[in-house]
Structures are given as C-alpha cells and as structure tokens.
Amino acid sequence: SDVLHSFFVPAFRVKEDVVPGMYTYISFTPLIGESFEGKDEARYAIYCTEYCGLDHSGMIGEAVVMTPNRFREQMASLEEAAGDIGPERGQEIFQSNCIACHTVDGSDKVGPTFAGLFGRTVELTDGESIVADENYIRQSILDPTSQVVAGFPPAMPVQDLDDAQIQSVIMYIKTLE
C-alpha cells in the first residue's frame, strides 16, 4: 500500500501533501525574467518532506521553469515522442499501464478482461448495470473506484493519463473481441 508524501519546492516556498488514491494538483505562475539571467530555463530542487519509508531519501527531483518559447519547443518534442492517437498507441499504453491487472484474451486477473468489453453490459458491485461505452471506460480510468465491476476488488490505482492517451486506450479496447 502507498503512503502519504509531501511535494516540496523550497525555492517556491510551496508544499503540498500527496494522498494515495487521490489526484493532487498544484500550479505555479513563474515571474519570468527574475531568475533566468539570459537562460531558456531554470531548475529548482523538489523533495518529499513526509517520511514515507526506506526509500524516502531518494524521492528528489527538479522543477523546470522555462521561457514560453522553450516551453513550446519542449511540448512539441514531447508530443512527437508520444506518437499519434490511435489503437496502436492504446496498445502501448495497455502494455505499460494495464497488463499487470487486465488481459485481452478473455481471462480475468486482478481486474476484468478487456476482451469484448466495448459495448457489453457490465454488472457493477452496487448492483447496477452499465454499458461499457467510451464514457464508462474514461470514467473507469479517471476515477477507478466509481464503477467497479462485480466480482472484482476496488484495487485499480488512479491513472494519470491525458485525454489523448485515454482516447487511444478506448480505441484499442474497441478493437478487442
């Protein structure tokens, strides 16, 4: 099971708790020009300030503040690396995010199979039935405990996928029979 973490950027004087199973959102508006001194970006240390176990001291990173032009270049590079929206991209996301708990061959694991899922009526743990359409799949990815399939535990972690990634997963699931 996961534990509490606390996202801390000392240079920004900002700290935000990160709670398991919940999305936590924090944003900053940098004061451009105050610390760039002719550079395209500036980097600031990130730490976890909530003791979270043996690997706590390894929870470090950096916040990168960029000029608008550098940010656009970086986003274009990331979008190119992410690939196009489509079922092939959805399969890649499935392989890296979903395969530990779901299958595409009709067998069940910790979670239900994706084979033949799209358009099928699914019974939920609350006794209701719902058609597994695009909205159901999107909701299941964004809020996994809101519509749990009967016979399975509410064990799916929250996924941090963007709209293009979610659409790609939906397109992939539609191809499975």
N, C-alpha and C. Protein backbone atom coordinates (compact mmCIF):
# COMPACT_ATOMS: atom_id res chain seq x y z
N SER A 1 0.84 -1.19 0.00
CA SER A 1 0.00 0.00 0.00
C SER A 1 0.88 1.24 0.00
N ASP A 2 0.35 2.30 -0.55
CA ASP A 2 1.11 3.54 -0.65
C ASP A 2 0.96 4.34 0.64
N VAL A 3 1.75 5.36 0.76
CA VAL A 3 1.75 6.20 1.96
C VAL A 3 1.64 7.66 1.55
N LEU A 4 1.47 8.52 2.54
CA LEU A 4 1.45 9.95 2.27
C LEU A 4 2.82 10.42 1.82
N HIS A 5 2.83 11.37 0.93
CA HIS A 5 4.05 12.04 0.51
C HIS A 5 3.78 13.54 0.63
N SER A 6 4.82 14.33 0.58
CA SER A 6 4.63 15.77 0.63
C SER A 6 5.57 16.43 -0.37
N PHE A 7 5.00 16.96 -1.43
CA PHE A 7 5.73 17.60 -2.52
C PHE A 7 6.19 18.98 -2.04
N PHE A 8 7.50 19.22 -2.08
CA PHE A 8 8.04 20.46 -1.54
C PHE A 8 9.07 21.05 -2.49
N VAL A 9 8.87 22.31 -2.87
CA VAL A 9 9.83 23.05 -3.69
C VAL A 9 10.29 24.23 -2.84
N PRO A 10 11.44 24.09 -2.17
CA PRO A 10 11.89 25.15 -1.25
C PRO A 10 12.00 26.52 -1.91
N ALA A 11 12.52 26.59 -3.13
CA ALA A 11 12.71 27.89 -3.79
C ALA A 11 11.38 28.59 -4.04
N PHE A 12 10.30 27.81 -4.18
CA PHE A 12 8.98 28.40 -4.42
C PHE A 12 8.21 28.61 -3.12
N ARG A 13 8.76 28.06 -2.02
CA ARG A 13 8.09 28.11 -0.71
C ARG A 13 6.69 27.52 -0.79
N VAL A 14 6.62 26.34 -1.44
CA VAL A 14 5.35 25.65 -1.65
C VAL A 14 5.49 24.21 -1.20
N LYS A 15 4.49 23.72 -0.46
CA LYS A 15 4.46 22.33 -0.03
C LYS A 15 3.02 21.83 -0.18
N GLU A 16 2.86 20.63 -0.74
CA GLU A 16 1.52 20.07 -0.96
C GLU A 16 1.55 18.58 -0.63
N ASP A 17 0.63 18.13 0.24
CA ASP A 17 0.54 16.71 0.55
C ASP A 17 0.01 15.95 -0.66
N VAL A 18 0.53 14.74 -0.83
CA VAL A 18 0.10 13.86 -1.91
C VAL A 18 -0.50 12.63 -1.24
N VAL A 19 -1.80 12.42 -1.43
CA VAL A 19 -2.55 11.38 -0.74
C VAL A 19 -2.80 10.21 -1.69
N PRO A 20 -2.54 8.97 -1.27
CA PRO A 20 -2.78 7.82 -2.14
C PRO A 20 -4.22 7.76 -2.62
N GLY A 21 -4.40 7.45 -3.91
CA GLY A 21 -5.73 7.29 -4.48
C GLY A 21 -6.43 8.59 -4.82
N MET A 22 -5.77 9.71 -4.66
CA MET A 22 -6.39 11.00 -4.97
C MET A 22 -5.50 11.78 -5.91
N TYR A 23 -6.12 12.53 -6.81
CA TYR A 23 -5.35 13.46 -7.62
C TYR A 23 -5.06 14.69 -6.76
N THR A 24 -3.85 15.14 -6.79
CA THR A 24 -3.48 16.38 -6.12
C THR A 24 -2.92 17.29 -7.18
N TYR A 25 -3.38 18.51 -7.21
CA TYR A 25 -2.99 19.43 -8.27
C TYR A 25 -2.39 20.68 -7.65
N ILE A 26 -1.29 21.10 -8.20
CA ILE A 26 -0.67 22.34 -7.75
C ILE A 26 -0.09 23.03 -8.99
N SER A 27 -0.21 24.32 -9.05
CA SER A 27 0.35 25.03 -10.21
C SER A 27 1.06 26.30 -9.74
N PHE A 28 1.94 26.77 -10.58
CA PHE A 28 2.72 27.97 -10.27
C PHE A 28 2.68 28.90 -11.46
N THR A 29 2.77 30.17 -11.20
CA THR A 29 2.96 31.16 -12.26
C THR A 29 4.31 31.82 -12.00
N PRO A 30 5.33 31.40 -12.75
CA PRO A 30 6.66 31.96 -12.50
C PRO A 30 6.73 33.42 -12.92
N LEU A 31 7.55 34.15 -12.24
CA LEU A 31 7.79 35.54 -12.59
C LEU A 31 8.95 35.56 -13.57
N ILE A 32 8.63 35.46 -14.85
CA ILE A 32 9.64 35.36 -15.90
C ILE A 32 10.58 36.56 -15.83
N GLY A 33 11.85 36.27 -15.98
CA GLY A 33 12.84 37.33 -16.01
C GLY A 33 13.54 37.56 -14.69
N GLU A 34 12.94 37.10 -13.58
CA GLU A 34 13.58 37.36 -12.29
C GLU A 34 14.80 36.50 -12.04
N SER A 35 14.84 35.28 -12.62
CA SER A 35 15.98 34.41 -12.30
C SER A 35 16.60 33.73 -13.52
N PHE A 36 16.16 34.04 -14.72
CA PHE A 36 16.70 33.36 -15.89
C PHE A 36 18.07 33.87 -16.30
N GLU A 37 18.32 35.15 -16.18
CA GLU A 37 19.62 35.73 -16.50
C GLU A 37 20.17 35.23 -17.83
N GLY A 38 19.40 35.39 -18.90
CA GLY A 38 19.85 35.02 -20.24
C GLY A 38 19.71 33.56 -20.59
N LYS A 39 19.15 32.73 -19.71
CA LYS A 39 18.97 31.30 -19.99
C LYS A 39 17.54 31.04 -20.45
N ASP A 40 17.32 29.87 -21.07
CA ASP A 40 15.99 29.47 -21.51
C ASP A 40 15.19 28.80 -20.40
N GLU A 41 15.89 28.32 -19.37
CA GLU A 41 15.20 27.62 -18.29
C GLU A 41 15.99 27.73 -16.99
N ALA A 42 15.29 27.49 -15.89
CA ALA A 42 15.92 27.44 -14.57
C ALA A 42 15.39 26.20 -13.86
N ARG A 43 16.23 25.57 -13.05
CA ARG A 43 15.87 24.32 -12.38
C ARG A 43 15.90 24.51 -10.87
N TYR A 44 14.90 23.92 -10.19
CA TYR A 44 14.76 24.06 -8.75
C TYR A 44 14.52 22.68 -8.13
N ALA A 45 15.13 22.44 -6.99
CA ALA A 45 15.04 21.13 -6.32
C ALA A 45 13.63 20.86 -5.81
N ILE A 46 13.22 19.59 -5.93
CA ILE A 46 11.95 19.09 -5.37
C ILE A 46 12.31 18.00 -4.37
N TYR A 47 11.64 18.00 -3.22
CA TYR A 47 11.85 16.99 -2.19
C TYR A 47 10.51 16.46 -1.70
N CYS A 48 10.56 15.27 -1.08
CA CYS A 48 9.41 14.77 -0.33
C CYS A 48 9.72 15.05 1.13
N THR A 49 8.85 15.79 1.81
CA THR A 49 9.11 16.16 3.21
C THR A 49 8.29 15.34 4.19
N GLU A 50 7.61 14.31 3.73
CA GLU A 50 6.85 13.42 4.61
C GLU A 50 7.60 12.09 4.62
N TYR A 51 8.07 11.65 5.79
CA TYR A 51 8.80 10.38 5.83
C TYR A 51 7.88 9.29 5.31
N CYS A 52 8.31 8.60 4.25
CA CYS A 52 7.42 7.66 3.56
C CYS A 52 8.04 6.28 3.40
N GLY A 53 9.03 5.95 4.21
CA GLY A 53 9.61 4.62 4.15
C GLY A 53 11.09 4.63 3.84
N LEU A 54 11.62 3.45 3.58
CA LEU A 54 13.07 3.28 3.41
C LEU A 54 13.65 4.08 2.27
N ASP A 55 12.91 4.27 1.19
CA ASP A 55 13.43 4.99 0.03
C ASP A 55 13.11 6.48 0.05
N HIS A 56 12.69 6.98 1.20
CA HIS A 56 12.30 8.39 1.32
C HIS A 56 13.40 9.33 0.84
N SER A 57 14.64 9.04 1.20
CA SER A 57 15.73 9.95 0.84
C SER A 57 15.99 10.00 -0.66
N GLY A 58 15.48 9.03 -1.40
CA GLY A 58 15.64 9.02 -2.85
C GLY A 58 14.56 9.77 -3.59
N MET A 59 13.58 10.28 -2.88
CA MET A 59 12.47 10.98 -3.53
C MET A 59 12.84 12.44 -3.75
N ILE A 60 13.63 12.66 -4.79
CA ILE A 60 14.05 14.00 -5.15
C ILE A 60 13.80 14.20 -6.64
N GLY A 61 13.77 15.42 -7.05
CA GLY A 61 13.58 15.73 -8.46
C GLY A 61 13.84 17.20 -8.67
N GLU A 62 13.35 17.70 -9.78
CA GLU A 62 13.53 19.13 -10.02
C GLU A 62 12.34 19.69 -10.79
N ALA A 63 12.01 20.93 -10.47
CA ALA A 63 11.01 21.68 -11.22
C ALA A 63 11.78 22.50 -12.24
N VAL A 64 11.31 22.46 -13.48
CA VAL A 64 11.98 23.20 -14.54
C VAL A 64 11.06 24.32 -15.00
N VAL A 65 11.52 25.55 -14.86
CA VAL A 65 10.77 26.72 -15.30
C VAL A 65 11.39 27.17 -16.61
N MET A 66 10.54 27.33 -17.63
CA MET A 66 11.04 27.65 -18.97
C MET A 66 10.43 28.94 -19.50
N THR A 67 11.16 29.57 -20.40
CA THR A 67 10.59 30.70 -21.12
C THR A 67 9.48 30.15 -22.01
N PRO A 68 8.52 30.98 -22.41
CA PRO A 68 7.44 30.48 -23.28
C PRO A 68 7.95 29.80 -24.55
N ASN A 69 8.97 30.35 -25.19
CA ASN A 69 9.49 29.72 -26.41
C ASN A 69 10.10 28.35 -26.12
N ARG A 70 10.87 28.26 -25.06
CA ARG A 70 11.48 26.97 -24.69
C ARG A 70 10.40 25.96 -24.34
N PHE A 71 9.33 26.40 -23.66
CA PHE A 71 8.23 25.51 -23.30
C PHE A 71 7.55 24.96 -24.56
N ARG A 72 7.28 25.82 -25.53
CA ARG A 72 6.66 25.36 -26.78
C ARG A 72 7.54 24.33 -27.49
N GLU A 73 8.86 24.57 -27.51
CA GLU A 73 9.78 23.61 -28.12
C GLU A 73 9.72 22.27 -27.39
N GLN A 74 9.73 22.32 -26.07
CA GLN A 74 9.69 21.10 -25.26
C GLN A 74 8.39 20.35 -25.48
N MET A 75 7.27 21.05 -25.50
CA MET A 75 5.98 20.40 -25.71
C MET A 75 5.91 19.76 -27.09
N ALA A 76 6.41 20.42 -28.11
CA ALA A 76 6.43 19.85 -29.46
C ALA A 76 7.26 18.57 -29.48
N SER A 77 8.37 18.59 -28.79
CA SER A 77 9.24 17.41 -28.73
C SER A 77 8.54 16.26 -28.01
N LEU A 78 7.86 16.55 -26.91
CA LEU A 78 7.15 15.52 -26.16
C LEU A 78 5.98 14.95 -26.96
N GLU A 79 5.24 15.82 -27.65
CA GLU A 79 4.12 15.36 -28.46
C GLU A 79 4.60 14.45 -29.58
N GLU A 80 5.72 14.79 -30.18
CA GLU A 80 6.28 13.96 -31.24
C GLU A 80 6.69 12.60 -30.69
N ALA A 81 7.29 12.60 -29.51
CA ALA A 81 7.74 11.35 -28.89
C ALA A 81 6.56 10.49 -28.45
N ALA A 82 5.44 11.12 -28.09
CA ALA A 82 4.28 10.38 -27.61
C ALA A 82 3.57 9.63 -28.72
N GLY A 83 3.74 10.04 -29.95
CA GLY A 83 3.08 9.35 -31.05
C GLY A 83 1.67 9.86 -31.26
N ASP A 84 1.05 9.35 -32.29
CA ASP A 84 -0.30 9.77 -32.66
C ASP A 84 -1.33 9.07 -31.80
N ILE A 85 -2.53 9.62 -31.80
CA ILE A 85 -3.66 8.98 -31.14
C ILE A 85 -4.09 7.82 -32.02
N GLY A 86 -4.36 6.70 -31.42
CA GLY A 86 -4.83 5.55 -32.19
C GLY A 86 -4.75 4.28 -31.39
N PRO A 87 -5.33 3.20 -31.92
CA PRO A 87 -5.33 1.93 -31.19
C PRO A 87 -3.92 1.38 -30.94
N GLU A 88 -2.99 1.65 -31.85
CA GLU A 88 -1.62 1.18 -31.64
C GLU A 88 -1.02 1.84 -30.41
N ARG A 89 -1.25 3.14 -30.27
CA ARG A 89 -0.77 3.87 -29.09
C ARG A 89 -1.49 3.35 -27.85
N GLY A 90 -2.79 3.05 -27.97
CA GLY A 90 -3.54 2.49 -26.85
C GLY A 90 -2.99 1.15 -26.40
N GLN A 91 -2.55 0.33 -27.35
CA GLN A 91 -1.95 -0.96 -27.01
C GLN A 91 -0.64 -0.75 -26.25
N GLU A 92 0.15 0.23 -26.66
CA GLU A 92 1.40 0.54 -25.95
C GLU A 92 1.10 0.97 -24.51
N ILE A 93 0.08 1.80 -24.35
CA ILE A 93 -0.30 2.27 -23.01
C ILE A 93 -0.78 1.09 -22.18
N PHE A 94 -1.60 0.20 -22.79
CA PHE A 94 -2.06 -1.01 -22.10
C PHE A 94 -0.86 -1.83 -21.62
N GLN A 95 0.13 -2.02 -22.49
CA GLN A 95 1.30 -2.82 -22.15
C GLN A 95 2.09 -2.22 -20.98
N SER A 96 2.11 -0.91 -20.87
CA SER A 96 2.90 -0.29 -19.81
C SER A 96 2.09 0.05 -18.56
N ASN A 97 0.77 0.17 -18.67
CA ASN A 97 -0.02 0.62 -17.52
C ASN A 97 -1.04 -0.40 -17.00
N CYS A 98 -1.53 -1.29 -17.85
CA CYS A 98 -2.71 -2.07 -17.51
C CYS A 98 -2.48 -3.58 -17.42
N ILE A 99 -1.47 -4.08 -18.10
CA ILE A 99 -1.30 -5.52 -18.29
C ILE A 99 -1.09 -6.29 -16.99
N ALA A 100 -0.63 -5.65 -15.95
CA ALA A 100 -0.41 -6.34 -14.68
C ALA A 100 -1.73 -6.83 -14.08
N CYS A 101 -2.83 -6.14 -14.37
CA CYS A 101 -4.11 -6.49 -13.75
C CYS A 101 -5.21 -6.88 -14.74
N HIS A 102 -5.06 -6.56 -16.02
CA HIS A 102 -6.09 -6.84 -17.03
C HIS A 102 -5.49 -7.67 -18.16
N THR A 103 -6.36 -8.42 -18.85
CA THR A 103 -5.92 -9.20 -20.01
C THR A 103 -6.71 -8.77 -21.24
N VAL A 104 -6.31 -9.29 -22.38
CA VAL A 104 -7.06 -9.06 -23.62
C VAL A 104 -7.45 -10.39 -24.26
N ASP A 105 -7.28 -11.49 -23.50
CA ASP A 105 -7.57 -12.82 -24.06
C ASP A 105 -8.82 -13.46 -23.47
N GLY A 106 -9.58 -12.73 -22.67
CA GLY A 106 -10.81 -13.27 -22.09
C GLY A 106 -10.65 -13.80 -20.68
N SER A 107 -9.43 -13.98 -20.22
CA SER A 107 -9.22 -14.46 -18.85
C SER A 107 -9.17 -13.26 -17.91
N ASP A 108 -9.52 -13.52 -16.65
CA ASP A 108 -9.50 -12.46 -15.66
C ASP A 108 -8.22 -12.52 -14.84
N LYS A 109 -7.80 -11.39 -14.36
CA LYS A 109 -6.69 -11.29 -13.41
C LYS A 109 -7.24 -10.58 -12.18
N VAL A 110 -6.50 -9.64 -11.64
CA VAL A 110 -6.99 -8.83 -10.53
C VAL A 110 -8.20 -8.02 -10.99
N GLY A 111 -8.17 -7.59 -12.25
CA GLY A 111 -9.27 -6.86 -12.86
C GLY A 111 -9.85 -7.65 -14.01
N PRO A 112 -10.99 -7.21 -14.52
CA PRO A 112 -11.64 -7.93 -15.62
C PRO A 112 -10.87 -7.81 -16.93
N THR A 113 -11.14 -8.74 -17.84
CA THR A 113 -10.52 -8.71 -19.16
C THR A 113 -11.08 -7.56 -19.99
N PHE A 114 -10.29 -7.08 -20.93
CA PHE A 114 -10.76 -6.06 -21.87
C PHE A 114 -11.32 -6.69 -23.13
N ALA A 115 -11.15 -8.01 -23.30
CA ALA A 115 -11.65 -8.69 -24.50
C ALA A 115 -13.17 -8.59 -24.56
N GLY A 116 -13.69 -8.06 -25.66
CA GLY A 116 -15.13 -7.95 -25.85
C GLY A 116 -15.81 -6.98 -24.91
N LEU A 117 -15.05 -6.13 -24.27
CA LEU A 117 -15.62 -5.21 -23.28
C LEU A 117 -16.49 -4.14 -23.92
N PHE A 118 -16.01 -3.51 -24.99
CA PHE A 118 -16.72 -2.34 -25.53
C PHE A 118 -18.11 -2.73 -26.03
N GLY A 119 -19.11 -2.02 -25.54
CA GLY A 119 -20.49 -2.25 -25.95
C GLY A 119 -21.21 -3.30 -25.13
N ARG A 120 -20.49 -4.01 -24.28
CA ARG A 120 -21.09 -5.05 -23.45
C ARG A 120 -21.69 -4.42 -22.19
N THR A 121 -22.75 -5.03 -21.67
CA THR A 121 -23.33 -4.58 -20.41
C THR A 121 -22.55 -5.23 -19.27
N VAL A 122 -22.12 -4.41 -18.32
CA VAL A 122 -21.32 -4.89 -17.19
C VAL A 122 -22.10 -4.68 -15.91
N GLU A 123 -22.07 -5.67 -15.02
CA GLU A 123 -22.72 -5.53 -13.72
C GLU A 123 -21.70 -4.97 -12.74
N LEU A 124 -22.13 -3.98 -11.98
CA LEU A 124 -21.23 -3.31 -11.03
C LEU A 124 -21.46 -3.83 -9.62
N THR A 125 -20.52 -3.55 -8.73
CA THR A 125 -20.62 -4.02 -7.35
C THR A 125 -21.82 -3.45 -6.61
N ASP A 126 -22.34 -2.31 -7.05
CA ASP A 126 -23.51 -1.72 -6.39
C ASP A 126 -24.82 -2.30 -6.91
N GLY A 127 -24.74 -3.32 -7.79
CA GLY A 127 -25.93 -3.97 -8.32
C GLY A 127 -26.45 -3.37 -9.61
N GLU A 128 -25.96 -2.20 -9.98
CA GLU A 128 -26.39 -1.58 -11.23
C GLU A 128 -25.69 -2.22 -12.40
N SER A 129 -26.28 -2.03 -13.59
CA SER A 129 -25.66 -2.48 -14.83
C SER A 129 -25.42 -1.26 -15.70
N ILE A 130 -24.35 -1.32 -16.48
CA ILE A 130 -23.99 -0.19 -17.33
C ILE A 130 -23.36 -0.72 -18.61
N VAL A 131 -23.59 -0.01 -19.71
CA VAL A 131 -22.95 -0.39 -20.97
C VAL A 131 -21.53 0.16 -20.97
N ALA A 132 -20.58 -0.69 -21.31
CA ALA A 132 -19.17 -0.28 -21.35
C ALA A 132 -18.92 0.50 -22.64
N ASP A 133 -19.25 1.77 -22.61
CA ASP A 133 -19.04 2.65 -23.76
C ASP A 133 -17.84 3.56 -23.48
N GLU A 134 -17.63 4.55 -24.33
CA GLU A 134 -16.49 5.45 -24.14
C GLU A 134 -16.53 6.16 -22.80
N ASN A 135 -17.72 6.61 -22.39
CA ASN A 135 -17.84 7.32 -21.11
C ASN A 135 -17.48 6.42 -19.94
N TYR A 136 -17.96 5.17 -19.98
CA TYR A 136 -17.66 4.22 -18.91
C TYR A 136 -16.15 3.98 -18.80
N ILE A 137 -15.51 3.75 -19.94
CA ILE A 137 -14.06 3.47 -19.92
C ILE A 137 -13.29 4.69 -19.41
N ARG A 138 -13.65 5.87 -19.91
CA ARG A 138 -12.99 7.10 -19.46
C ARG A 138 -13.16 7.29 -17.95
N GLN A 139 -14.38 7.11 -17.46
CA GLN A 139 -14.66 7.26 -16.03
C GLN A 139 -13.88 6.23 -15.21
N SER A 140 -13.78 5.01 -15.73
CA SER A 140 -13.06 3.96 -15.02
C SER A 140 -11.57 4.25 -14.92
N ILE A 141 -11.03 4.94 -15.91
CA ILE A 141 -9.62 5.31 -15.88
C ILE A 141 -9.40 6.49 -14.93
N LEU A 142 -10.26 7.48 -15.00
CA LEU A 142 -10.08 8.70 -14.21
C LEU A 142 -10.48 8.54 -12.75
N ASP A 143 -11.50 7.71 -12.49
CA ASP A 143 -11.99 7.50 -11.12
C ASP A 143 -12.30 6.02 -10.95
N PRO A 144 -11.26 5.19 -10.79
CA PRO A 144 -11.42 3.74 -10.85
C PRO A 144 -12.37 3.12 -9.84
N THR A 145 -12.60 3.76 -8.71
CA THR A 145 -13.49 3.16 -7.72
C THR A 145 -14.94 3.58 -7.88
N SER A 146 -15.24 4.40 -8.88
CA SER A 146 -16.62 4.88 -9.04
C SER A 146 -17.54 3.86 -9.68
N GLN A 147 -17.00 2.93 -10.49
CA GLN A 147 -17.82 1.94 -11.19
C GLN A 147 -17.05 0.63 -11.25
N VAL A 148 -17.01 -0.08 -10.12
CA VAL A 148 -16.22 -1.31 -10.03
C VAL A 148 -17.06 -2.49 -10.52
N VAL A 149 -16.48 -3.32 -11.38
CA VAL A 149 -17.17 -4.49 -11.92
C VAL A 149 -17.37 -5.51 -10.80
N ALA A 150 -18.59 -6.08 -10.74
CA ALA A 150 -18.92 -7.07 -9.72
C ALA A 150 -17.94 -8.24 -9.78
N GLY A 151 -17.53 -8.70 -8.60
CA GLY A 151 -16.61 -9.82 -8.52
C GLY A 151 -15.15 -9.42 -8.48
N PHE A 152 -14.88 -8.13 -8.56
CA PHE A 152 -13.50 -7.65 -8.54
C PHE A 152 -13.34 -6.62 -7.43
N PRO A 153 -12.15 -6.57 -6.82
CA PRO A 153 -11.92 -5.59 -5.76
C PRO A 153 -11.70 -4.19 -6.34
N PRO A 154 -11.96 -3.17 -5.55
CA PRO A 154 -11.68 -1.79 -6.00
C PRO A 154 -10.18 -1.49 -5.84
N ALA A 155 -9.36 -2.22 -6.58
CA ALA A 155 -7.91 -2.16 -6.38
C ALA A 155 -7.17 -1.34 -7.43
N MET A 156 -7.88 -0.88 -8.46
CA MET A 156 -7.18 -0.16 -9.53
C MET A 156 -6.68 1.19 -9.04
N PRO A 157 -5.39 1.47 -9.24
CA PRO A 157 -4.89 2.79 -8.84
C PRO A 157 -5.36 3.87 -9.81
N VAL A 158 -5.37 5.08 -9.34
CA VAL A 158 -5.71 6.22 -10.19
C VAL A 158 -4.67 6.32 -11.30
N GLN A 159 -5.13 6.53 -12.52
CA GLN A 159 -4.23 6.64 -13.68
C GLN A 159 -4.08 8.11 -14.04
N ASP A 160 -2.88 8.51 -14.36
CA ASP A 160 -2.62 9.89 -14.74
C ASP A 160 -2.36 9.95 -16.25
N LEU A 161 -3.43 9.69 -17.02
CA LEU A 161 -3.33 9.72 -18.48
C LEU A 161 -4.00 10.99 -18.99
N ASP A 162 -3.45 11.57 -20.04
CA ASP A 162 -4.09 12.74 -20.63
C ASP A 162 -5.20 12.30 -21.58
N ASP A 163 -5.95 13.25 -22.11
CA ASP A 163 -7.08 12.93 -22.98
C ASP A 163 -6.68 12.11 -24.20
N ALA A 164 -5.56 12.45 -24.81
CA ALA A 164 -5.11 11.71 -26.00
C ALA A 164 -4.79 10.26 -25.64
N GLN A 165 -4.16 10.05 -24.50
CA GLN A 165 -3.84 8.69 -24.08
C GLN A 165 -5.10 7.90 -23.76
N ILE A 166 -6.04 8.53 -23.08
CA ILE A 166 -7.30 7.86 -22.76
C ILE A 166 -8.04 7.50 -24.04
N GLN A 167 -8.10 8.43 -24.98
CA GLN A 167 -8.77 8.15 -26.25
C GLN A 167 -8.10 7.00 -26.98
N SER A 168 -6.78 6.93 -26.92
CA SER A 168 -6.05 5.83 -27.56
C SER A 168 -6.38 4.49 -26.90
N VAL A 169 -6.47 4.47 -25.57
CA VAL A 169 -6.84 3.24 -24.86
C VAL A 169 -8.25 2.81 -25.26
N ILE A 170 -9.17 3.76 -25.33
CA ILE A 170 -10.55 3.45 -25.74
C ILE A 170 -10.55 2.86 -27.15
N MET A 171 -9.80 3.47 -28.05
CA MET A 171 -9.73 2.96 -29.43
C MET A 171 -9.16 1.55 -29.46
N TYR A 172 -8.18 1.27 -28.62
CA TYR A 172 -7.61 -0.08 -28.55
C TYR A 172 -8.64 -1.07 -28.02
N ILE A 173 -9.33 -0.72 -26.94
CA ILE A 173 -10.33 -1.62 -26.36
C ILE A 173 -11.43 -1.93 -27.37
N LYS A 174 -11.79 -0.96 -28.20
CA LYS A 174 -12.81 -1.19 -29.24
C LYS A 174 -12.38 -2.27 -30.23
N THR A 175 -11.08 -2.46 -30.41
CA THR A 175 -10.60 -3.46 -31.39
C THR A 175 -10.59 -4.87 -30.82
N LEU A 176 -10.76 -5.02 -29.52
CA LEU A 176 -10.64 -6.34 -28.88
C LEU A 176 -11.96 -7.09 -28.93
N GLU A 177 -11.90 -8.34 -29.32
CA GLU A 177 -13.13 -9.16 -29.40
C GLU A 177 -13.10 -10.27 -28.38
